[in-house]
């Protein structure tokens, strides 16, 4: 039944009773149980939905408070500044005549920060390129610094010895030979 139909029915009831108070009293005594049942049916899930909504709101407010806490903790830190230089791989010794170029590989921690790692050597026994490739110069010891480009106070110092060529050995300890039967040197 539409609202217009209910209105027409009520106007007809007023005309039949000839008194608005009697019409309202009669209307409510006859239709009130039906109206209340309809309202209860329409609102049946509203209380449960409201309770669920309040619970979800509390969860989202707790999550928002946690995010705000993390933001305030991180806002005092410079996310771009590295904390340390981690050496991934670097040789301890380099052979003077080895044709295979050795490399120092390093990265910054945290890895999401800005900048990169620059390698700088002392040019005593070896040269090192900025990207970490090593070129032996003479026998001896050299020191190489792996430096964070975004903060030069963050670095790691490596000590690398340049040694004379050595004979390569097999796993059993015998001399290793190349395909032509010559000694293999490192």
N, C-alpha and C. Protein backbone atom coordinates (compact mmCIF):
# COMPACT_ATOMS: atom_id res chain seq x y z
N UNK A 1 0.85 -1.16 0.00
CA UNK A 1 0.00 0.00 0.00
C UNK A 1 0.90 1.23 0.00
N UNK A 2 0.58 2.18 -0.85
CA UNK A 2 1.40 3.38 -0.96
C UNK A 2 0.98 4.41 0.09
N UNK A 3 1.80 5.39 0.23
CA UNK A 3 1.50 6.46 1.19
C UNK A 3 0.25 7.23 0.76
N UNK A 4 0.07 7.40 -0.54
CA UNK A 4 -1.12 8.11 -1.02
C UNK A 4 -2.40 7.34 -0.67
N UNK A 5 -2.32 6.00 -0.83
CA UNK A 5 -3.49 5.17 -0.50
C UNK A 5 -3.81 5.23 0.99
N UNK A 6 -2.76 5.23 1.82
CA UNK A 6 -2.96 5.32 3.27
C UNK A 6 -3.59 6.67 3.60
N UNK A 7 -3.13 7.73 2.95
CA UNK A 7 -3.68 9.06 3.18
C UNK A 7 -5.14 9.15 2.78
N UNK A 8 -5.46 8.56 1.63
CA UNK A 8 -6.87 8.56 1.18
C UNK A 8 -7.75 7.77 2.14
N UNK A 9 -7.22 6.63 2.60
CA UNK A 9 -7.97 5.80 3.55
C UNK A 9 -8.22 6.56 4.84
N UNK A 10 -7.22 7.28 5.32
CA UNK A 10 -7.35 8.04 6.56
C UNK A 10 -8.34 9.19 6.38
N UNK A 11 -8.31 9.87 5.24
CA UNK A 11 -9.28 10.96 4.98
C UNK A 11 -10.71 10.40 4.93
N UNK A 12 -10.85 9.23 4.34
CA UNK A 12 -12.17 8.60 4.31
C UNK A 12 -12.64 8.23 5.71
N UNK A 13 -11.71 7.80 6.55
CA UNK A 13 -12.02 7.44 7.93
C UNK A 13 -12.45 8.67 8.72
N UNK A 14 -11.82 9.80 8.49
CA UNK A 14 -12.19 11.06 9.17
C UNK A 14 -13.61 11.45 8.77
N UNK A 15 -13.93 11.35 7.50
CA UNK A 15 -15.27 11.69 7.03
C UNK A 15 -16.32 10.75 7.62
N UNK A 16 -15.96 9.45 7.73
CA UNK A 16 -16.91 8.47 8.26
C UNK A 16 -17.14 8.68 9.76
N UNK A 17 -16.09 9.01 10.50
CA UNK A 17 -16.21 9.19 11.95
C UNK A 17 -16.71 10.59 12.29
N UNK A 18 -16.55 11.52 11.43
CA UNK A 18 -16.95 12.89 11.62
C UNK A 18 -16.18 13.58 12.75
N UNK A 19 -15.08 12.92 13.21
CA UNK A 19 -14.25 13.50 14.28
C UNK A 19 -12.83 13.00 14.04
N UNK A 20 -11.88 13.91 13.98
CA UNK A 20 -10.49 13.52 13.71
C UNK A 20 -9.91 12.69 14.85
N UNK A 21 -10.23 13.01 16.10
CA UNK A 21 -9.70 12.25 17.24
C UNK A 21 -10.21 10.81 17.21
N UNK A 22 -11.48 10.64 16.92
CA UNK A 22 -12.04 9.29 16.84
C UNK A 22 -11.42 8.54 15.68
N UNK A 23 -11.17 9.24 14.55
CA UNK A 23 -10.58 8.61 13.37
C UNK A 23 -9.15 8.14 13.66
N UNK A 24 -8.39 8.99 14.33
CA UNK A 24 -7.00 8.62 14.69
C UNK A 24 -7.02 7.44 15.64
N UNK A 25 -7.87 7.46 16.65
CA UNK A 25 -7.96 6.37 17.61
C UNK A 25 -8.33 5.07 16.94
N UNK A 26 -9.32 5.11 16.06
CA UNK A 26 -9.74 3.92 15.33
C UNK A 26 -8.65 3.42 14.39
N UNK A 27 -8.03 4.37 13.69
CA UNK A 27 -6.96 4.01 12.74
C UNK A 27 -5.82 3.32 13.45
N UNK A 28 -5.41 3.90 14.59
CA UNK A 28 -4.28 3.32 15.32
C UNK A 28 -4.64 1.98 15.96
N UNK A 29 -5.86 1.84 16.48
CA UNK A 29 -6.22 0.57 17.11
C UNK A 29 -6.30 -0.57 16.09
N UNK A 30 -6.68 -0.24 14.85
CA UNK A 30 -6.79 -1.29 13.82
C UNK A 30 -5.44 -1.52 13.13
N UNK A 31 -4.74 -0.45 12.80
CA UNK A 31 -3.54 -0.57 11.95
C UNK A 31 -2.22 -0.54 12.71
N UNK A 32 -2.22 -0.18 13.96
CA UNK A 32 -0.97 -0.07 14.71
C UNK A 32 -0.20 -1.39 14.76
N UNK A 33 -0.81 -2.54 15.04
CA UNK A 33 -0.03 -3.78 15.04
C UNK A 33 0.62 -4.06 13.68
N UNK A 34 -0.11 -3.78 12.60
CA UNK A 34 0.45 -4.00 11.27
C UNK A 34 1.60 -3.03 11.01
N UNK A 35 1.43 -1.77 11.40
CA UNK A 35 2.47 -0.76 11.20
C UNK A 35 3.72 -1.13 12.00
N UNK A 36 3.54 -1.52 13.24
CA UNK A 36 4.69 -1.90 14.08
C UNK A 36 5.40 -3.14 13.52
N UNK A 37 4.61 -4.11 13.06
CA UNK A 37 5.21 -5.31 12.47
C UNK A 37 6.03 -4.94 11.24
N UNK A 38 5.50 -4.03 10.40
CA UNK A 38 6.22 -3.60 9.20
C UNK A 38 7.50 -2.86 9.57
N UNK A 39 7.43 -2.00 10.58
CA UNK A 39 8.62 -1.27 11.03
C UNK A 39 9.65 -2.25 11.58
N UNK A 40 9.21 -3.20 12.40
CA UNK A 40 10.13 -4.19 12.96
C UNK A 40 10.80 -5.00 11.86
N UNK A 41 10.01 -5.37 10.85
CA UNK A 41 10.55 -6.16 9.74
C UNK A 41 11.60 -5.35 8.99
N UNK A 42 11.32 -4.07 8.75
CA UNK A 42 12.26 -3.23 8.01
C UNK A 42 13.52 -2.92 8.81
N UNK A 43 13.39 -2.85 10.12
CA UNK A 43 14.54 -2.53 10.96
C UNK A 43 15.20 -3.74 11.60
N UNK A 44 14.79 -4.94 11.20
CA UNK A 44 15.29 -6.17 11.84
C UNK A 44 16.82 -6.25 11.81
N UNK A 45 17.43 -5.94 10.69
CA UNK A 45 18.88 -6.04 10.60
C UNK A 45 19.61 -4.77 10.95
N UNK A 46 18.88 -3.70 11.25
CA UNK A 46 19.53 -2.41 11.50
C UNK A 46 20.38 -2.42 12.76
N UNK A 47 19.90 -3.05 13.83
CA UNK A 47 20.67 -3.08 15.08
C UNK A 47 21.95 -3.89 14.90
N UNK A 48 21.84 -5.03 14.24
CA UNK A 48 23.04 -5.86 13.99
C UNK A 48 24.01 -5.11 13.09
N UNK A 49 23.48 -4.48 12.04
CA UNK A 49 24.34 -3.72 11.14
C UNK A 49 25.02 -2.57 11.86
N UNK A 50 24.30 -1.91 12.75
CA UNK A 50 24.88 -0.80 13.51
C UNK A 50 26.00 -1.30 14.43
N UNK A 51 25.78 -2.45 15.08
CA UNK A 51 26.82 -3.02 15.95
C UNK A 51 28.04 -3.42 15.12
N UNK A 52 27.82 -4.03 13.96
CA UNK A 52 28.93 -4.40 13.08
C UNK A 52 29.69 -3.16 12.60
N UNK A 53 28.94 -2.13 12.29
CA UNK A 53 29.56 -0.88 11.83
C UNK A 53 30.41 -0.26 12.92
N UNK A 54 29.90 -0.27 14.16
CA UNK A 54 30.69 0.27 15.28
C UNK A 54 31.97 -0.53 15.47
N UNK A 55 31.90 -1.86 15.35
CA UNK A 55 33.09 -2.70 15.51
C UNK A 55 34.11 -2.40 14.41
N UNK A 56 33.65 -2.27 13.17
CA UNK A 56 34.56 -1.95 12.06
C UNK A 56 35.15 -0.56 12.22
N UNK A 57 34.37 0.37 12.72
CA UNK A 57 34.86 1.72 12.96
C UNK A 57 35.97 1.72 14.01
N UNK A 58 35.79 0.92 15.07
CA UNK A 58 36.83 0.82 16.10
C UNK A 58 38.11 0.23 15.52
N UNK A 59 37.97 -0.80 14.66
CA UNK A 59 39.15 -1.40 14.03
C UNK A 59 39.87 -0.39 13.14
N UNK A 60 39.10 0.34 12.34
CA UNK A 60 39.73 1.31 11.45
C UNK A 60 40.38 2.45 12.23
N UNK A 61 39.78 2.86 13.33
CA UNK A 61 40.38 3.91 14.16
C UNK A 61 41.69 3.41 14.79
N UNK A 62 41.71 2.14 15.21
CA UNK A 62 42.94 1.57 15.77
C UNK A 62 44.03 1.50 14.70
N UNK A 63 43.66 1.10 13.49
CA UNK A 63 44.64 1.05 12.40
C UNK A 63 45.15 2.45 12.06
N UNK A 64 44.26 3.42 12.06
CA UNK A 64 44.66 4.80 11.77
C UNK A 64 45.60 5.32 12.85
N UNK A 65 45.32 4.99 14.10
CA UNK A 65 46.20 5.42 15.19
C UNK A 65 47.58 4.78 15.04
N UNK A 66 47.63 3.52 14.62
CA UNK A 66 48.91 2.83 14.42
C UNK A 66 49.69 3.48 13.27
N UNK A 67 49.00 3.82 12.20
CA UNK A 67 49.65 4.47 11.07
C UNK A 67 50.18 5.84 11.49
N UNK A 68 49.39 6.59 12.23
CA UNK A 68 49.83 7.90 12.72
C UNK A 68 51.08 7.76 13.60
N UNK A 69 51.10 6.71 14.42
CA UNK A 69 52.25 6.46 15.28
C UNK A 69 53.50 6.16 14.44
N UNK A 70 53.34 5.32 13.42
CA UNK A 70 54.48 5.00 12.56
C UNK A 70 54.97 6.22 11.79
N UNK A 71 54.03 7.03 11.32
CA UNK A 71 54.41 8.24 10.59
C UNK A 71 55.18 9.18 11.50
N UNK A 72 54.75 9.33 12.73
CA UNK A 72 55.46 10.22 13.65
C UNK A 72 56.84 9.67 13.99
N UNK A 73 56.97 8.35 14.07
CA UNK A 73 58.29 7.76 14.32
C UNK A 73 59.21 7.99 13.13
N UNK A 74 58.68 7.78 11.91
CA UNK A 74 59.51 7.89 10.72
C UNK A 74 59.77 9.33 10.31
N UNK A 75 58.92 10.25 10.70
CA UNK A 75 59.10 11.63 10.27
C UNK A 75 60.36 12.25 10.87
N UNK A 76 60.81 11.74 11.99
CA UNK A 76 62.02 12.25 12.61
C UNK A 76 63.28 11.69 11.98
N UNK A 77 63.14 10.70 11.11
CA UNK A 77 64.30 10.07 10.48
C UNK A 77 64.38 10.52 9.03
N UNK A 78 65.59 10.58 8.53
CA UNK A 78 65.78 10.85 7.11
C UNK A 78 65.80 9.52 6.40
N UNK A 79 64.74 9.25 5.63
CA UNK A 79 64.65 7.96 4.95
C UNK A 79 65.67 7.83 3.83
N UNK A 80 66.21 8.91 3.37
CA UNK A 80 67.18 8.86 2.29
C UNK A 80 68.59 8.56 2.79
N UNK A 81 68.85 8.76 4.07
CA UNK A 81 70.20 8.60 4.60
C UNK A 81 70.50 7.12 4.87
N UNK A 82 71.61 6.61 4.33
CA UNK A 82 71.97 5.22 4.62
C UNK A 82 72.54 5.09 6.03
N UNK A 83 72.37 3.90 6.59
CA UNK A 83 72.89 3.64 7.93
C UNK A 83 74.24 2.94 7.88
N UNK A 84 74.44 2.12 6.85
CA UNK A 84 75.72 1.40 6.74
C UNK A 84 75.92 0.93 5.30
N UNK A 85 77.15 0.55 5.00
CA UNK A 85 77.50 -0.06 3.72
C UNK A 85 77.70 -1.55 3.98
N UNK A 86 76.99 -2.39 3.24
CA UNK A 86 77.15 -3.84 3.34
C UNK A 86 77.95 -4.32 2.15
N UNK A 87 79.01 -5.08 2.42
CA UNK A 87 79.83 -5.65 1.35
C UNK A 87 79.21 -6.99 0.97
N UNK A 88 78.79 -7.11 -0.28
CA UNK A 88 78.20 -8.35 -0.78
C UNK A 88 79.31 -9.34 -1.10
N UNK A 89 80.32 -8.88 -1.85
CA UNK A 89 81.47 -9.74 -2.15
C UNK A 89 82.67 -8.86 -2.43
N UNK A 90 83.83 -9.34 -1.99
CA UNK A 90 85.09 -8.64 -2.22
C UNK A 90 86.22 -9.65 -2.01
N UNK A 91 87.21 -9.66 -2.89
CA UNK A 91 88.32 -10.58 -2.69
C UNK A 91 89.25 -10.10 -1.58
N UNK A 92 89.82 -11.06 -0.85
CA UNK A 92 90.83 -10.70 0.17
C UNK A 92 92.21 -10.60 -0.47
N UNK A 93 92.40 -11.42 -1.51
CA UNK A 93 93.66 -11.38 -2.26
C UNK A 93 93.34 -11.32 -3.74
N UNK A 94 94.23 -10.65 -4.48
CA UNK A 94 94.14 -10.58 -5.93
C UNK A 94 95.50 -10.98 -6.47
N UNK A 95 95.49 -11.85 -7.49
CA UNK A 95 96.74 -12.30 -8.09
C UNK A 95 97.19 -11.28 -9.13
N UNK A 96 98.48 -11.00 -9.15
CA UNK A 96 99.02 -9.96 -10.01
C UNK A 96 98.77 -10.23 -11.49
N UNK A 97 98.87 -11.44 -11.94
CA UNK A 97 98.78 -11.73 -13.38
C UNK A 97 97.43 -12.34 -13.77
N UNK A 98 96.48 -12.39 -12.90
CA UNK A 98 95.19 -13.00 -13.22
C UNK A 98 94.45 -12.12 -14.24
N UNK A 99 94.08 -12.67 -15.41
CA UNK A 99 93.40 -11.86 -16.42
C UNK A 99 91.92 -11.59 -16.08
N UNK A 100 91.38 -12.34 -15.14
CA UNK A 100 89.97 -12.15 -14.77
C UNK A 100 89.88 -11.00 -13.77
N UNK A 101 89.16 -9.96 -14.13
CA UNK A 101 89.04 -8.80 -13.24
C UNK A 101 88.14 -9.13 -12.06
N UNK A 102 88.62 -8.82 -10.88
CA UNK A 102 87.84 -9.00 -9.65
C UNK A 102 87.03 -7.75 -9.40
N UNK A 103 85.94 -7.89 -8.64
CA UNK A 103 85.09 -6.74 -8.36
C UNK A 103 84.64 -6.74 -6.91
N UNK A 104 84.54 -5.55 -6.37
CA UNK A 104 83.95 -5.34 -5.04
C UNK A 104 82.49 -5.00 -5.28
N UNK A 105 81.61 -5.75 -4.66
CA UNK A 105 80.17 -5.48 -4.79
C UNK A 105 79.65 -5.10 -3.41
N UNK A 106 79.00 -3.93 -3.35
CA UNK A 106 78.49 -3.42 -2.07
C UNK A 106 77.12 -2.79 -2.28
N UNK A 107 76.37 -2.67 -1.20
CA UNK A 107 75.06 -2.01 -1.25
C UNK A 107 74.85 -1.25 0.06
N UNK A 108 73.88 -0.35 0.00
CA UNK A 108 73.56 0.46 1.17
C UNK A 108 72.43 -0.17 1.96
N UNK A 109 72.43 0.08 3.26
CA UNK A 109 71.31 -0.32 4.11
C UNK A 109 70.78 0.93 4.76
N UNK A 110 69.51 1.23 4.70
CA UNK A 110 68.44 0.50 4.04
C UNK A 110 68.52 0.68 2.52
N UNK A 111 68.05 -0.32 1.81
CA UNK A 111 68.19 -0.33 0.36
C UNK A 111 67.26 0.65 -0.33
N UNK A 112 66.21 1.17 0.37
CA UNK A 112 65.29 2.11 -0.26
C UNK A 112 65.79 3.54 -0.18
N UNK A 113 66.95 3.76 0.44
CA UNK A 113 67.48 5.11 0.55
C UNK A 113 68.07 5.59 -0.77
N UNK A 114 68.37 6.87 -0.80
CA UNK A 114 68.95 7.46 -2.00
C UNK A 114 70.46 7.26 -2.00
N UNK A 115 71.03 7.28 -3.19
CA UNK A 115 72.48 7.20 -3.32
C UNK A 115 72.95 5.83 -3.72
N UNK A 116 74.25 5.72 -3.86
CA UNK A 116 74.87 4.46 -4.26
C UNK A 116 76.20 4.34 -3.52
N UNK A 117 76.99 3.33 -3.91
CA UNK A 117 78.28 3.10 -3.26
C UNK A 117 79.38 3.43 -4.26
N UNK A 118 80.37 4.17 -3.81
CA UNK A 118 81.52 4.55 -4.62
C UNK A 118 82.76 3.93 -3.99
N UNK A 119 83.57 3.25 -4.81
CA UNK A 119 84.80 2.63 -4.30
C UNK A 119 85.98 3.53 -4.59
N UNK A 120 86.84 3.72 -3.56
CA UNK A 120 88.03 4.56 -3.70
C UNK A 120 89.21 3.81 -3.09
N UNK A 121 90.29 3.68 -3.86
CA UNK A 121 91.47 2.97 -3.39
C UNK A 121 92.62 3.92 -3.09
N UNK A 122 93.68 3.36 -2.46
CA UNK A 122 94.85 4.17 -2.11
C UNK A 122 95.93 4.12 -3.19
N UNK A 123 95.76 3.36 -4.26
CA UNK A 123 96.66 3.25 -5.41
C UNK A 123 98.05 2.73 -5.03
N UNK A 124 98.17 2.01 -3.93
CA UNK A 124 99.46 1.46 -3.53
C UNK A 124 99.75 0.17 -4.28
N UNK A 125 98.91 -0.83 -4.12
CA UNK A 125 99.13 -2.12 -4.78
C UNK A 125 98.10 -2.39 -5.86
N UNK A 126 97.01 -1.64 -5.84
CA UNK A 126 95.97 -1.85 -6.85
C UNK A 126 95.21 -0.56 -7.08
N UNK A 127 94.57 -0.52 -8.25
CA UNK A 127 93.63 0.55 -8.57
C UNK A 127 92.23 -0.03 -8.49
N UNK A 128 91.30 0.79 -8.15
CA UNK A 128 89.90 0.35 -8.12
C UNK A 128 89.06 1.43 -8.80
N UNK A 129 88.19 0.99 -9.69
CA UNK A 129 87.31 1.94 -10.37
C UNK A 129 86.16 2.29 -9.44
N UNK A 130 85.47 3.40 -9.70
CA UNK A 130 84.36 3.78 -8.82
C UNK A 130 83.28 2.71 -8.69
N UNK A 131 83.11 1.88 -9.74
CA UNK A 131 82.11 0.81 -9.65
C UNK A 131 82.66 -0.47 -9.06
N UNK A 132 83.91 -0.47 -8.58
CA UNK A 132 84.44 -1.58 -7.80
C UNK A 132 85.33 -2.56 -8.53
N UNK A 133 85.64 -2.35 -9.82
CA UNK A 133 86.52 -3.28 -10.53
C UNK A 133 87.97 -3.02 -10.14
N UNK A 134 88.70 -4.11 -9.86
CA UNK A 134 90.05 -4.03 -9.31
C UNK A 134 91.06 -4.30 -10.42
N UNK A 135 92.13 -3.48 -10.46
CA UNK A 135 93.26 -3.68 -11.37
C UNK A 135 94.52 -3.74 -10.51
N UNK A 136 95.17 -4.93 -10.43
CA UNK A 136 96.40 -5.03 -9.63
C UNK A 136 97.53 -4.23 -10.30
N UNK A 137 98.34 -3.56 -9.47
CA UNK A 137 99.47 -2.77 -9.97
C UNK A 137 100.81 -3.41 -9.62
N UNK A 138 100.96 -3.79 -8.38
CA UNK A 138 102.23 -4.37 -7.89
C UNK A 138 101.94 -5.20 -6.65
N UNK A 139 102.89 -6.00 -6.22
CA UNK A 139 102.73 -6.80 -5.01
C UNK A 139 102.61 -5.87 -3.80
N UNK A 140 101.76 -6.27 -2.86
CA UNK A 140 101.62 -5.46 -1.65
C UNK A 140 100.18 -5.47 -1.15
N UNK A 141 99.89 -4.48 -0.34
CA UNK A 141 98.58 -4.37 0.30
C UNK A 141 97.99 -2.99 0.00
N UNK A 142 96.69 -2.98 -0.28
CA UNK A 142 95.99 -1.72 -0.51
C UNK A 142 94.73 -1.69 0.32
N UNK A 143 94.29 -0.49 0.63
CA UNK A 143 93.04 -0.29 1.36
C UNK A 143 92.05 0.39 0.42
N UNK A 144 90.84 -0.14 0.43
CA UNK A 144 89.78 0.38 -0.43
C UNK A 144 88.62 0.79 0.47
N UNK A 145 88.08 1.97 0.22
CA UNK A 145 86.90 2.44 0.95
C UNK A 145 85.68 2.35 0.04
N UNK A 146 84.63 1.69 0.53
CA UNK A 146 83.33 1.67 -0.14
C UNK A 146 82.49 2.72 0.57
N UNK A 147 82.21 3.84 -0.12
CA UNK A 147 81.62 5.02 0.51
C UNK A 147 80.21 5.26 -0.03
N UNK A 148 79.30 5.59 0.86
CA UNK A 148 77.94 5.96 0.44
C UNK A 148 77.99 7.35 -0.18
N UNK A 149 77.46 7.49 -1.39
CA UNK A 149 77.54 8.79 -2.08
C UNK A 149 76.63 9.83 -1.45
N UNK A 150 75.56 9.40 -0.79
CA UNK A 150 74.63 10.37 -0.21
C UNK A 150 75.06 10.83 1.18
N UNK A 151 75.98 10.09 1.82
CA UNK A 151 76.47 10.47 3.15
C UNK A 151 77.87 9.89 3.30
N UNK A 152 78.89 10.70 3.06
CA UNK A 152 80.26 10.19 3.03
C UNK A 152 80.80 9.75 4.39
N UNK A 153 80.05 10.02 5.45
CA UNK A 153 80.48 9.53 6.76
C UNK A 153 80.14 8.05 6.94
N UNK A 154 79.39 7.50 6.01
CA UNK A 154 79.04 6.07 6.04
C UNK A 154 79.92 5.36 5.01
N UNK A 155 80.83 4.51 5.49
CA UNK A 155 81.73 3.79 4.59
C UNK A 155 82.21 2.51 5.25
N UNK A 156 82.85 1.67 4.44
CA UNK A 156 83.45 0.43 4.93
C UNK A 156 84.83 0.34 4.29
N UNK A 157 85.86 0.03 5.09
CA UNK A 157 87.22 -0.08 4.59
C UNK A 157 87.59 -1.55 4.42
N UNK A 158 88.14 -1.86 3.26
CA UNK A 158 88.58 -3.23 2.95
C UNK A 158 90.09 -3.25 2.77
N UNK A 159 90.70 -4.34 3.18
CA UNK A 159 92.13 -4.55 2.98
C UNK A 159 92.29 -5.68 1.97
N UNK A 160 92.96 -5.38 0.85
CA UNK A 160 93.14 -6.38 -0.22
C UNK A 160 94.63 -6.52 -0.50
N UNK A 161 95.12 -7.76 -0.48
CA UNK A 161 96.52 -8.05 -0.76
C UNK A 161 96.66 -8.45 -2.23
N UNK A 162 97.71 -7.93 -2.87
CA UNK A 162 98.07 -8.33 -4.23
C UNK A 162 99.22 -9.31 -4.08
N UNK A 163 99.05 -10.54 -4.58
CA UNK A 163 100.03 -11.62 -4.39
C UNK A 163 100.56 -12.07 -5.75
N UNK A 164 101.73 -12.73 -5.75
CA UNK A 164 102.28 -13.24 -7.02
C UNK A 164 101.42 -14.40 -7.54
N UNK A 165 101.55 -14.70 -8.82
CA UNK A 165 100.78 -15.82 -9.37
C UNK A 165 101.10 -17.12 -8.65
N UNK A 166 100.07 -17.94 -8.51
CA UNK A 166 100.22 -19.23 -7.84
C UNK A 166 99.72 -20.33 -8.77
N UNK A 167 100.20 -21.54 -8.53
CA UNK A 167 99.70 -22.69 -9.29
C UNK A 167 98.33 -23.06 -8.75
N UNK A 168 97.42 -23.33 -9.66
CA UNK A 168 96.08 -23.77 -9.25
C UNK A 168 96.11 -25.26 -8.99
N UNK A 169 95.36 -25.66 -7.99
CA UNK A 169 95.32 -27.06 -7.60
C UNK A 169 93.91 -27.62 -7.82
N UNK A 170 93.85 -28.93 -8.04
CA UNK A 170 92.56 -29.60 -8.14
C UNK A 170 92.05 -29.87 -6.72
N UNK A 171 90.86 -30.40 -6.63
CA UNK A 171 90.28 -30.70 -5.32
C UNK A 171 91.12 -31.72 -4.56
N UNK A 172 91.78 -32.61 -5.27
CA UNK A 172 92.60 -33.63 -4.60
C UNK A 172 94.00 -33.12 -4.26
N UNK A 173 94.34 -31.90 -4.71
CA UNK A 173 95.64 -31.32 -4.37
C UNK A 173 96.66 -31.42 -5.48
N UNK A 174 96.34 -32.01 -6.62
CA UNK A 174 97.27 -32.10 -7.74
C UNK A 174 97.29 -30.78 -8.50
N UNK A 175 98.37 -30.57 -9.29
CA UNK A 175 98.47 -29.35 -10.09
C UNK A 175 97.40 -29.36 -11.17
N UNK A 176 96.79 -28.21 -11.39
CA UNK A 176 95.75 -28.10 -12.43
C UNK A 176 96.43 -27.67 -13.72
N UNK A 177 96.06 -28.36 -14.80
CA UNK A 177 96.62 -28.06 -16.12
C UNK A 177 95.52 -27.55 -17.03
N UNK A 178 95.92 -26.73 -18.03
CA UNK A 178 94.92 -26.28 -18.99
C UNK A 178 94.77 -27.33 -20.09
N UNK A 179 93.99 -27.02 -21.13
CA UNK A 179 93.71 -27.98 -22.19
C UNK A 179 94.94 -28.39 -22.98
N UNK A 180 96.01 -27.58 -22.99
CA UNK A 180 97.24 -27.87 -23.73
C UNK A 180 98.30 -28.52 -22.85
N UNK A 181 97.96 -28.77 -21.60
CA UNK A 181 98.91 -29.41 -20.69
C UNK A 181 99.79 -28.43 -19.94
N UNK A 182 99.55 -27.14 -20.07
CA UNK A 182 100.34 -26.13 -19.37
C UNK A 182 99.78 -25.93 -17.95
N UNK A 183 100.66 -25.47 -17.04
CA UNK A 183 100.21 -25.16 -15.69
C UNK A 183 99.22 -24.01 -15.71
N UNK A 184 98.22 -24.12 -14.89
CA UNK A 184 97.25 -23.01 -14.76
C UNK A 184 97.64 -22.20 -13.54
N UNK A 185 97.77 -20.90 -13.75
CA UNK A 185 98.13 -19.99 -12.67
C UNK A 185 96.92 -19.14 -12.33
N UNK A 186 96.89 -18.69 -11.10
CA UNK A 186 95.83 -17.77 -10.70
C UNK A 186 96.39 -16.39 -10.53
